[in-house]
């Protein structure tokens, strides 16, 4: 369906402009739209925010830029398809200002302007792409699964890797260093198992289970300057509940945190990260590379009987990349006590803020309906709920843009079942704006028809170009490189 835009007759524009007399408290209350893009903040390089009007009738839209220029769009079957070229032009002219959108409805042959609302345009651009996994929401159907990337300046989605290339196995845990699309790591499970390392033209298959570690490596996080990746090793199980509000529960019976050295093919750790009396997981390096954040809980035995009694603290330990050693003591940034649990810490690249998921218990928050995002101000340790982005349903899996001004996260707020991606602007003080749903060409139809959840969204500064067919051939035919384990040097 082609976008329909038109030049605005002066008289009709006057009707739209007269809507400025509408009291501000009535803005965005006169008609419902999907997605709810009213009063959101967007980057100047985002794809058009197409939306649908929820009420029947003949509708027109006037889009006015901060410089006074305007254009109109006609709705077809309630859908406004905003022309990309005009959208880009008016966004560029409105950086640091706002777009004013006026909906106009025809009743009894007369057009009247209703429900003007603003879309604020930040001067801060967003990274050009997001990489994510698409997976069936029950995690029981593996016949279709893949890692994909989305060009945020358009609606174009392309595959990074699809599991149909390797016997429909599980692919997960993709990660990039500092939003760099030229280096990536991800895992394959079941058939053709192994960890895939991609660096430029170099591809490598890694066999990451060692005799000294609990499992193959999971939950990767790259060191910002060195050839190191932090992982956890986990003995993980999952349960499916027929009557519990949280349909799926994933829990660890044991877990540790380790670091992999890409050049020596060695895994190392420290007793403070491999205690038999604690579950350690979700490592994340600080932007300066001199600290490692992670989540840890006192070990509970037996499991799974005690899974509701597992509460993870958010902690930090010093790290020396030159000597590959950790420096205690371990600092606790968020103490969970017996009423909450922390997971998935992610630090802004400017080092000022850390965001984690807070929920009632355990470490796998994506099926916990109470899961919300919380922010730690790393300058003073203050912990606060991100009220502007949280909803009545699950918020989880978040990542930062390279300029620390945008965060993407997954949420089940639409229907309680599927996770969809939302983007929010974060100012220098850590304040979040109202988030907006990832734009689509026909969002109402797209999200109604999509039977997959978005999983682990990661901002990247360009497109991933690795040859997925080369990756598949490597995983099918090559034996892979075995890793060794060495203790961290206590000196």
Protein backbone atom coordinates (compact mmCIF):
# COMPACT_ATOMS: atom_id res chain seq x y z
CA UNK A 1 0.00 0.00 0.00
CA UNK A 2 1.53 3.29 -1.09
CA UNK A 3 1.74 6.19 1.31
CA UNK A 4 -0.78 8.93 0.59
CA UNK A 5 0.28 12.46 1.35
CA UNK A 6 -1.14 15.69 0.03
CA UNK A 7 -0.64 19.41 -0.02
CA UNK A 8 -2.80 21.11 2.60
CA UNK A 9 -5.36 23.66 1.46
CA UNK A 10 -5.02 26.90 3.38
CA UNK A 11 -8.58 26.75 4.71
CA UNK A 12 -8.21 23.19 5.90
CA UNK A 13 -4.85 23.97 7.53
CA UNK A 14 -6.56 26.82 9.34
CA UNK A 15 -9.01 24.30 10.83
CA UNK A 16 -6.10 22.20 12.02
CA UNK A 17 -4.23 25.17 13.43
CA UNK A 18 -7.34 26.30 15.26
CA UNK A 19 -7.03 23.15 17.33
CA UNK A 20 -4.24 24.90 19.23
CA UNK A 21 -7.02 26.44 21.28
CA UNK A 22 -7.79 23.00 22.72
CA UNK A 23 -6.76 22.98 26.41
CA UNK A 24 -3.51 21.08 26.92
CA UNK A 25 -5.07 18.66 29.41
CA UNK A 26 -7.43 17.46 26.65
CA UNK A 27 -4.59 16.60 24.30
CA UNK A 28 -4.37 12.93 23.39
CA UNK A 29 -7.72 12.16 25.08
CA UNK A 30 -10.12 12.58 22.20
CA UNK A 31 -9.22 9.53 20.14
CA UNK A 32 -7.19 6.37 20.77
CA UNK A 33 -4.35 5.46 18.42
CA UNK A 34 -2.14 2.38 18.13
CA UNK A 35 0.69 2.43 18.88
CA UNK A 36 0.40 5.14 21.50
CA UNK A 37 2.92 7.63 20.13
CA UNK A 38 1.43 10.62 21.95
CA UNK A 39 4.00 12.73 23.80
CA UNK A 40 6.88 10.31 23.15
CA UNK A 41 10.46 11.39 22.49
CA UNK A 42 12.08 10.04 19.33
CA UNK A 43 15.54 10.27 17.76
CA UNK A 44 16.01 12.36 14.60
CA UNK A 45 16.90 9.25 12.57
CA UNK A 46 13.97 6.94 13.32
CA UNK A 47 11.65 5.39 10.72
CA UNK A 48 8.18 6.95 10.33
CA UNK A 49 5.86 6.33 13.27
CA UNK A 50 2.90 4.95 11.33
CA UNK A 51 -0.20 4.45 13.46
CA UNK A 52 -3.89 3.52 13.31
CA UNK A 53 -6.94 5.36 14.61
CA UNK A 54 -9.11 3.12 16.77
CA UNK A 55 -12.39 4.79 15.73
CA UNK A 56 -14.12 4.34 12.37
CA UNK A 57 -14.58 7.26 10.01
CA UNK A 58 -12.78 9.43 7.49
CA UNK A 59 -9.52 10.73 8.98
CA UNK A 60 -6.78 13.10 7.95
CA UNK A 61 -3.54 14.03 9.73
CA UNK A 62 -1.55 17.26 9.68
CA UNK A 63 2.11 16.97 10.70
CA UNK A 64 3.70 20.31 11.59
CA UNK A 65 7.42 20.70 12.20
CA UNK A 66 9.22 23.01 14.61
CA UNK A 67 10.02 25.33 11.68
CA UNK A 68 6.34 25.74 10.75
CA UNK A 69 6.37 23.53 7.68
CA UNK A 70 3.55 21.01 7.45
CA UNK A 71 2.23 18.17 5.33
CA UNK A 72 -0.91 16.06 5.40
CA UNK A 73 -1.62 12.33 5.31
CA UNK A 74 -4.87 10.56 4.46
CA UNK A 75 -5.86 7.45 6.40
CA UNK A 76 -6.78 4.24 4.64
CA UNK A 77 -8.95 1.94 6.73
CA UNK A 78 -7.79 3.90 9.76
CA UNK A 79 -4.06 3.54 9.04
CA UNK A 80 -1.77 6.54 8.58
CA UNK A 81 1.23 5.67 6.42
CA UNK A 82 3.62 8.60 6.81
CA UNK A 83 5.86 9.15 3.73
CA UNK A 84 9.48 8.43 4.63
CA UNK A 85 11.09 11.31 2.71
CA UNK A 86 8.84 13.96 4.23
CA UNK A 87 9.19 12.37 7.66
CA UNK A 88 12.98 12.48 7.50
CA UNK A 89 12.93 16.09 6.37
CA UNK A 90 10.58 17.29 9.09
CA UNK A 91 12.44 15.33 11.80
CA UNK A 92 15.73 16.89 10.74
CA UNK A 93 14.22 20.39 10.88
CA UNK A 94 12.70 19.72 14.32
CA UNK A 95 15.74 18.40 16.23
CA UNK A 96 15.52 19.65 19.79
CA UNK A 97 11.90 20.71 19.24
CA UNK A 98 8.64 18.92 18.62
CA UNK A 99 6.27 17.79 15.92
CA UNK A 100 2.63 18.75 16.30
CA UNK A 101 0.22 16.16 14.96
CA UNK A 102 -3.41 17.12 14.45
CA UNK A 103 -6.07 14.54 13.67
CA UNK A 104 -9.02 15.75 11.61
CA UNK A 105 -12.30 13.88 11.16
CA UNK A 106 -15.07 14.44 8.62
CA UNK A 107 -18.55 14.49 10.06
CA UNK A 108 -21.62 15.37 7.99
CA UNK A 109 -19.42 16.69 5.21
CA UNK A 110 -17.43 19.02 7.45
CA UNK A 111 -13.85 18.57 8.61
CA UNK A 112 -13.07 19.31 12.25
CA UNK A 113 -9.73 19.18 14.00
CA UNK A 114 -9.43 16.92 17.04
CA UNK A 115 -6.85 15.68 19.48
CA UNK A 116 -3.62 17.51 18.67
CA UNK A 117 -0.58 15.89 20.29
CA UNK A 118 3.18 16.31 20.28
CA UNK A 119 6.07 14.06 19.37
CA UNK A 120 9.30 15.44 20.82
CA UNK A 121 12.41 15.16 18.65
CA UNK A 122 15.65 14.70 20.55
CA UNK A 123 18.88 16.11 19.14
CA UNK A 124 20.49 12.77 20.10
CA UNK A 125 20.61 10.21 17.27
CA UNK A 126 20.09 6.53 17.96
CA UNK A 127 22.32 3.69 16.75
CA UNK A 128 21.24 2.65 13.28
CA UNK A 129 20.38 -1.00 14.05
CA UNK A 130 19.05 -3.36 16.70
CA UNK A 131 19.86 -7.09 16.76
CA UNK A 132 17.48 -9.48 18.51
CA UNK A 133 16.22 -13.04 18.60
CA UNK A 134 12.70 -13.97 17.49
CA UNK A 135 11.36 -17.01 19.33
CA UNK A 136 8.00 -18.64 20.05
CA UNK A 137 6.86 -17.34 23.45
CA UNK A 138 6.54 -20.73 25.14
CA UNK A 139 10.17 -21.71 24.45
CA UNK A 140 8.87 -25.16 23.47
CA UNK A 141 8.77 -24.68 19.70
CA UNK A 142 12.19 -24.63 18.05
CA UNK A 143 11.17 -25.30 14.47
CA UNK A 144 11.59 -21.57 13.72
CA UNK A 145 14.09 -19.40 15.55
CA UNK A 146 16.66 -16.88 14.52
CA UNK A 147 18.75 -13.82 15.28
CA UNK A 148 17.70 -10.83 13.18
CA UNK A 149 18.61 -7.18 12.75
CA UNK A 150 16.42 -4.20 12.13
CA UNK A 151 17.44 -1.00 10.38
CA UNK A 152 15.92 1.66 12.65
CA UNK A 153 15.94 4.27 9.89
CA UNK A 154 13.59 2.07 7.84
CA UNK A 155 11.41 -0.98 8.46
CA UNK A 156 13.91 -3.43 6.96
CA UNK A 157 14.56 -6.62 8.92
CA UNK A 158 17.21 -9.10 7.76
CA UNK A 159 18.48 -12.37 9.25
CA UNK A 160 21.80 -12.56 11.05
CA UNK A 161 21.39 -16.30 11.56
CA UNK A 162 18.42 -18.69 11.31
CA UNK A 163 18.31 -22.11 12.91
CA UNK A 164 16.91 -23.77 9.80
CA UNK A 165 20.53 -23.75 8.55
CA UNK A 166 21.64 -26.14 11.33
CA UNK A 167 18.87 -28.70 11.82
CA UNK A 168 16.52 -26.35 13.68
CA UNK A 169 18.64 -26.16 16.81
CA UNK A 170 18.50 -23.50 19.52
CA UNK A 171 20.47 -20.29 18.84
CA UNK A 172 20.79 -17.69 21.59
CA UNK A 173 22.87 -15.26 23.65
CA UNK A 174 24.15 -12.99 20.86
CA UNK A 175 26.44 -10.20 22.06
CA UNK A 176 28.53 -7.38 20.57
CA UNK A 177 31.37 -5.35 22.14
CA UNK A 178 30.42 -1.70 22.65
CA UNK A 179 27.67 -1.87 19.97
CA UNK A 180 30.23 -2.92 17.31
CA UNK A 181 28.53 -5.01 14.58
CA UNK A 182 31.92 -6.23 13.33
CA UNK A 183 32.43 -8.58 16.31
CA UNK A 184 29.84 -10.97 17.62
CA UNK A 185 29.47 -14.10 19.71
CA UNK A 186 26.42 -16.37 20.03
CA UNK A 187 25.62 -19.93 21.05
CA UNK A 188 24.07 -22.99 19.44
CA UNK A 189 22.50 -25.77 21.48
CA UNK A 190 21.42 -29.36 20.73
CA UNK A 191 22.48 -30.24 17.17
CA UNK A 192 25.76 -28.68 15.99
CA UNK A 193 26.37 -27.29 19.47
CA UNK A 194 29.08 -24.75 20.16
CA UNK A 195 29.81 -21.05 20.55
CA UNK A 196 30.21 -18.99 17.39
CA UNK A 197 32.86 -16.23 17.40
CA UNK A 198 32.78 -13.76 14.49
CA UNK A 199 35.46 -11.10 13.98
CA UNK A 200 35.67 -9.51 10.55
CA UNK A 201 36.38 -12.34 8.11
CA UNK A 202 37.39 -14.69 10.93
CA UNK A 203 34.90 -17.29 12.12
CA UNK A 204 35.62 -19.73 14.93
CA UNK A 205 33.72 -22.55 16.59
CA UNK A 206 34.41 -22.89 20.32
CA UNK A 207 33.73 -25.90 22.55
CA UNK A 208 33.34 -24.03 25.81
CA UNK A 209 32.65 -26.76 28.37
CA UNK A 210 35.77 -27.60 30.39
CA UNK A 211 36.23 -30.25 33.13
CA UNK A 212 36.49 -27.49 35.73
CA UNK A 213 33.31 -25.57 34.82
CA UNK A 214 29.64 -26.41 35.32
CA UNK A 215 28.48 -26.01 31.75
CA UNK A 216 29.17 -24.43 28.41
CA UNK A 217 29.47 -20.64 28.54
CA UNK A 218 26.31 -18.50 28.58
CA UNK A 219 25.24 -14.85 29.10
CA UNK A 220 28.24 -13.20 27.37
CA UNK A 221 29.46 -9.64 27.94
CA UNK A 222 32.54 -8.27 26.15
CA UNK A 223 35.31 -6.35 27.80
CA UNK A 224 35.29 -2.79 26.37
CA UNK A 225 39.00 -2.65 25.43
CA UNK A 226 40.53 -6.12 25.71
CA UNK A 227 40.00 -9.47 23.98
CA UNK A 228 38.00 -10.83 26.89
CA UNK A 229 34.39 -11.92 27.29
CA UNK A 230 32.73 -12.51 30.67
CA UNK A 231 30.30 -15.42 30.85
CA UNK A 232 28.43 -17.40 33.42
CA UNK A 233 28.27 -21.19 33.61
CA UNK A 234 24.92 -22.50 34.83
CA UNK A 235 23.20 -25.74 35.68
CA UNK A 236 19.78 -24.65 34.53
CA UNK A 237 16.32 -26.22 34.57
CA UNK A 238 12.89 -24.97 33.62
CA UNK A 239 9.37 -25.79 34.79
CA UNK A 240 6.04 -25.11 33.12
CA UNK A 241 3.08 -24.13 35.30
CA UNK A 242 -0.52 -24.76 34.34
CA UNK A 243 -2.08 -22.49 36.98
CA UNK A 244 0.61 -20.07 38.13
CA UNK A 245 0.53 -16.50 36.81
CA UNK A 246 4.16 -16.98 35.72
CA UNK A 247 3.77 -19.74 33.15
CA UNK A 248 7.44 -20.65 32.94
CA UNK A 249 10.06 -20.75 35.67
CA UNK A 250 13.75 -21.03 34.80
CA UNK A 251 16.16 -21.54 37.70
CA UNK A 252 19.75 -22.52 38.42
CA UNK A 253 20.87 -25.30 40.69
CA UNK A 254 24.41 -23.94 40.54
CA UNK A 255 26.21 -21.15 38.65
CA UNK A 256 29.55 -19.33 38.47
CA UNK A 257 31.05 -16.36 36.63
CA UNK A 258 34.13 -16.78 34.43
CA UNK A 259 36.06 -14.80 31.81
CA UNK A 260 37.24 -16.12 28.45
CA UNK A 261 40.52 -14.93 26.88
CA UNK A 262 40.01 -14.97 23.10
CA UNK A 263 43.70 -15.17 22.26
CA UNK A 264 44.82 -17.90 24.67
CA UNK A 265 41.58 -19.90 24.47
CA UNK A 266 41.65 -20.05 28.27
CA UNK A 267 38.85 -19.53 30.79
CA UNK A 268 39.74 -18.06 34.19
CA UNK A 269 37.90 -16.96 37.30
CA UNK A 270 38.31 -16.29 41.02
CA UNK A 271 37.02 -17.95 44.20
CA UNK A 272 34.86 -14.85 44.81
CA UNK A 273 33.01 -15.69 41.56
CA UNK A 274 32.96 -19.47 41.88
CA UNK A 275 31.75 -20.08 45.41
CA UNK A 276 29.89 -23.35 46.05
CA UNK A 277 27.82 -21.42 48.60
CA UNK A 278 26.44 -18.92 46.07
CA UNK A 279 24.77 -18.70 42.68
CA UNK A 280 26.69 -16.14 40.53
CA UNK A 281 25.39 -15.08 37.12
CA UNK A 282 24.79 -12.21 34.62
CA UNK A 283 28.30 -10.66 34.43
CA UNK A 284 28.80 -7.23 32.86
CA UNK A 285 32.04 -5.23 32.57
CA UNK A 286 32.15 -1.54 33.42
CA UNK A 287 32.84 0.81 30.46
CA UNK A 288 36.40 1.44 31.70
CA UNK A 289 37.01 -2.31 31.99
CA UNK A 290 38.17 -2.05 35.61
CA UNK A 291 35.16 -3.61 37.31
CA UNK A 292 32.81 -6.52 36.78
CA UNK A 293 29.17 -6.34 37.81
CA UNK A 294 27.23 -9.53 38.46
CA UNK A 295 24.27 -10.96 40.35
CA UNK A 296 24.69 -13.38 43.24
CA UNK A 297 22.42 -15.20 45.68
CA UNK A 298 23.06 -17.57 48.58
CA UNK A 299 22.82 -21.11 47.25
CA UNK A 300 19.54 -22.86 48.06
CA UNK A 301 19.30 -26.62 48.49
CA UNK A 302 17.29 -28.46 47.39
CA UNK A 303 16.22 -27.03 44.06
CA UNK A 304 13.67 -26.68 42.52
CA UNK A 305 11.73 -26.89 45.78
CA UNK A 306 13.36 -23.69 47.03
CA UNK A 307 13.32 -21.62 43.84
CA UNK A 308 11.04 -18.95 45.35
CA UNK A 309 13.57 -18.40 48.15
CA UNK A 310 16.38 -17.43 45.76
CA UNK A 311 17.03 -13.66 45.86
CA UNK A 312 19.90 -12.17 43.85
CA UNK A 313 21.92 -9.16 44.98
CA UNK A 314 23.56 -6.82 42.48
CA UNK A 315 27.32 -6.70 43.12
CA UNK A 316 30.60 -5.34 41.75
CA UNK A 317 34.20 -6.53 41.96
CA UNK A 318 37.39 -4.83 40.78
CA UNK A 319 39.25 -6.22 37.75
CA UNK A 320 42.76 -5.68 36.37
CA UNK A 321 42.77 -6.51 32.64
CA UNK A 322 46.58 -6.39 32.46
CA UNK A 323 47.09 -9.14 35.02
CA UNK A 324 43.74 -10.85 34.41
CA UNK A 325 42.97 -10.74 38.13
CA UNK A 326 40.00 -9.74 40.24
CA UNK A 327 40.37 -7.39 43.18
CA UNK A 328 38.11 -7.75 46.21
CA UNK A 329 36.21 -6.91 48.22
CA UNK A 330 32.87 -7.44 46.54
CA UNK A 331 30.62 -4.36 46.78
CA UNK A 332 26.83 -4.74 46.94
CA UNK A 333 24.92 -2.07 44.99
CA UNK A 334 21.46 -3.51 45.55
CA UNK A 335 20.65 -5.78 48.48
CA UNK A 336 17.68 -7.96 47.62
CA UNK A 337 16.84 -9.17 51.14
CA UNK A 338 13.84 -11.54 51.06
CA UNK A 339 11.43 -9.47 49.01
CA UNK A 340 13.08 -8.94 45.64
CA UNK A 341 15.75 -10.09 43.23
CA UNK A 342 18.02 -8.42 40.67
CA UNK A 343 19.03 -9.63 37.23
CA UNK A 344 20.57 -8.50 33.94
CA UNK A 345 22.69 -5.45 34.88
CA UNK A 346 23.57 -3.16 31.96
CA UNK A 347 25.81 -0.11 32.34
CA UNK A 348 25.55 2.99 30.17
CA UNK A 349 28.69 3.50 28.03
CA UNK A 350 29.35 6.84 29.75
CA UNK A 351 29.57 4.95 33.06
CA UNK A 352 26.93 7.06 34.82
CA UNK A 353 23.97 4.69 35.07
CA UNK A 354 23.25 1.01 35.55
CA UNK A 355 19.85 -0.49 34.76
CA UNK A 356 18.74 -3.88 36.06
CA UNK A 357 15.54 -5.87 36.24
CA UNK A 358 13.91 -6.15 39.67
CA UNK A 359 11.39 -8.89 40.43
CA UNK A 360 10.18 -10.93 43.39
CA UNK A 361 12.60 -13.89 43.26
CA UNK A 362 14.92 -15.89 41.03
CA UNK A 363 17.03 -14.78 38.10
CA UNK A 364 14.95 -15.40 34.99
CA UNK A 365 12.63 -12.41 34.99
CA UNK A 366 11.18 -12.50 31.48
CA UNK A 367 8.12 -14.50 32.56
CA UNK A 368 7.65 -12.66 35.86
CA UNK A 369 4.73 -10.26 35.49
CA UNK A 370 6.06 -8.12 38.35
CA UNK A 371 9.44 -7.52 36.65
CA UNK A 372 10.33 -3.82 36.32
CA UNK A 373 13.40 -1.83 35.33
CA UNK A 374 15.38 -0.03 38.04
CA UNK A 375 18.26 2.42 37.69
CA UNK A 376 21.38 2.80 39.84
CA UNK A 377 23.04 6.22 39.79
CA UNK A 378 26.67 5.09 39.86
CA UNK A 379 27.87 8.44 41.20
CA UNK A 380 26.09 8.01 44.54
CA UNK A 381 24.55 4.51 44.50
CA UNK A 382 20.94 5.72 44.53
CA UNK A 383 18.49 3.04 43.30
CA UNK A 384 15.16 4.12 41.81
CA UNK A 385 12.33 2.63 39.77
CA UNK A 386 12.15 3.74 36.13
CA UNK A 387 8.52 4.73 36.51
CA UNK A 388 8.25 6.28 33.04
CA UNK A 389 9.09 3.01 31.28
CA UNK A 390 7.53 0.40 33.57
CA UNK A 391 4.06 -1.03 33.00
CA UNK A 392 1.69 -3.48 34.69
CA UNK A 393 3.42 -6.37 32.93
CA UNK A 394 6.93 -7.70 32.33
CA UNK A 395 9.83 -5.39 31.48
CA UNK A 396 13.14 -7.12 30.77
CA UNK A 397 16.16 -7.48 28.46
CA UNK A 398 17.44 -3.95 27.99
CA UNK A 399 20.51 -2.44 26.33
CA UNK A 400 22.07 0.99 25.76
CA UNK A 401 22.96 2.92 22.65
CA UNK A 402 26.61 3.84 22.22
CA UNK A 403 25.95 7.51 23.17
CA UNK A 404 24.10 6.50 26.40
CA UNK A 405 21.01 8.48 25.38
CA UNK A 406 18.73 5.61 24.30
CA UNK A 407 17.69 2.32 25.81
CA UNK A 408 15.76 -0.52 24.17
CA UNK A 409 13.91 -3.10 26.25
CA UNK A 410 11.30 -5.82 25.87
CA UNK A 411 7.83 -5.64 27.39
CA UNK A 412 4.67 -7.75 27.51
CA UNK A 413 2.47 -4.70 28.09
CA UNK A 414 0.34 -5.16 24.96
CA UNK A 415 -1.16 -8.59 25.63
CA UNK A 416 0.75 -10.20 28.51
CA UNK A 417 2.07 -12.95 26.24
CA UNK A 418 4.43 -11.66 23.55
CA UNK A 419 7.44 -9.46 24.26
CA UNK A 420 7.68 -6.42 21.99
CA UNK A 421 10.47 -3.86 21.77
CA UNK A 422 10.22 -0.35 23.18
CA UNK A 423 12.74 2.49 22.97
CA UNK A 424 13.13 5.28 25.52
CA UNK A 425 15.28 8.39 25.67
CA UNK A 426 17.53 8.76 28.75
CA UNK A 427 18.83 12.21 29.62
CA UNK A 428 22.16 12.91 31.35
CA UNK A 429 20.53 12.72 34.78
CA UNK A 430 19.12 9.28 33.98
CA UNK A 431 15.51 10.41 33.51
CA UNK A 432 13.60 8.30 31.01
CA UNK A 433 10.97 9.53 28.57
CA UNK A 434 7.74 7.78 27.70
CA UNK A 435 8.84 4.78 25.58
CA UNK A 436 7.63 4.14 22.05
CA UNK A 437 6.93 0.82 20.36
CA UNK A 438 9.37 -0.24 17.64
CA UNK A 439 7.87 1.32 14.47
CA UNK A 440 6.44 -0.90 11.75
CA UNK A 441 4.92 -0.17 8.36
CA UNK A 442 1.46 -1.29 9.50
CA UNK A 443 1.97 -1.74 13.25
CA UNK A 444 -1.52 -2.88 14.22
CA UNK A 445 -1.55 -5.67 11.67
CA UNK A 446 2.14 -6.52 12.09
CA UNK A 447 1.99 -7.05 15.84
CA UNK A 448 -1.35 -8.86 15.67
CA UNK A 449 0.04 -11.32 13.12
CA UNK A 450 3.54 -11.81 14.62
CA UNK A 451 3.56 -15.06 16.63
CA UNK A 452 7.11 -14.62 17.93
CA UNK A 453 8.58 -12.73 20.87
CA UNK A 454 11.53 -10.36 20.68
CA UNK A 455 14.42 -11.53 22.84
CA UNK A 456 17.73 -9.88 23.90
CA UNK A 457 17.62 -6.64 21.86
CA UNK A 458 21.08 -5.12 21.37
CA UNK A 459 21.84 -1.74 19.82
CA UNK A 460 24.55 -1.86 17.15
CA UNK A 461 26.07 1.01 15.18
CA UNK A 462 25.71 -0.62 11.77
CA UNK A 463 24.58 -3.73 9.96
CA UNK A 464 25.94 -7.20 10.73
CA UNK A 465 27.47 -8.62 7.54
CA UNK A 466 28.75 -12.06 8.58
CA UNK A 467 27.97 -14.84 6.11
CA UNK A 468 25.42 -17.02 7.88
CA UNK A 469 25.95 -19.86 5.38
CA UNK A 470 29.67 -19.95 6.25
CA UNK A 471 28.72 -20.05 9.92
CA UNK A 472 26.34 -22.96 9.29
CA UNK A 473 28.97 -24.92 7.34
CA UNK A 474 31.52 -24.36 10.11
CA UNK A 475 29.13 -25.52 12.82
CA UNK A 476 28.08 -28.60 10.85
CA UNK A 477 31.51 -29.79 9.74
CA UNK A 478 34.30 -28.44 11.98
CA UNK A 479 35.18 -30.05 15.34
CA UNK A 480 35.80 -26.72 17.05
CA UNK A 481 38.46 -25.43 19.44
CA UNK A 482 38.51 -26.83 22.99
CA UNK A 483 39.02 -24.33 25.80
CA UNK A 484 41.22 -24.76 28.85
CA UNK A 485 40.64 -23.49 32.38
CA UNK A 486 43.17 -21.74 34.60
CA UNK A 487 42.65 -20.16 38.02
CA UNK A 488 43.09 -16.43 38.33
CA UNK A 489 46.60 -15.53 39.49
CA UNK A 490 46.24 -14.47 43.16
CA UNK A 491 49.39 -12.33 42.92
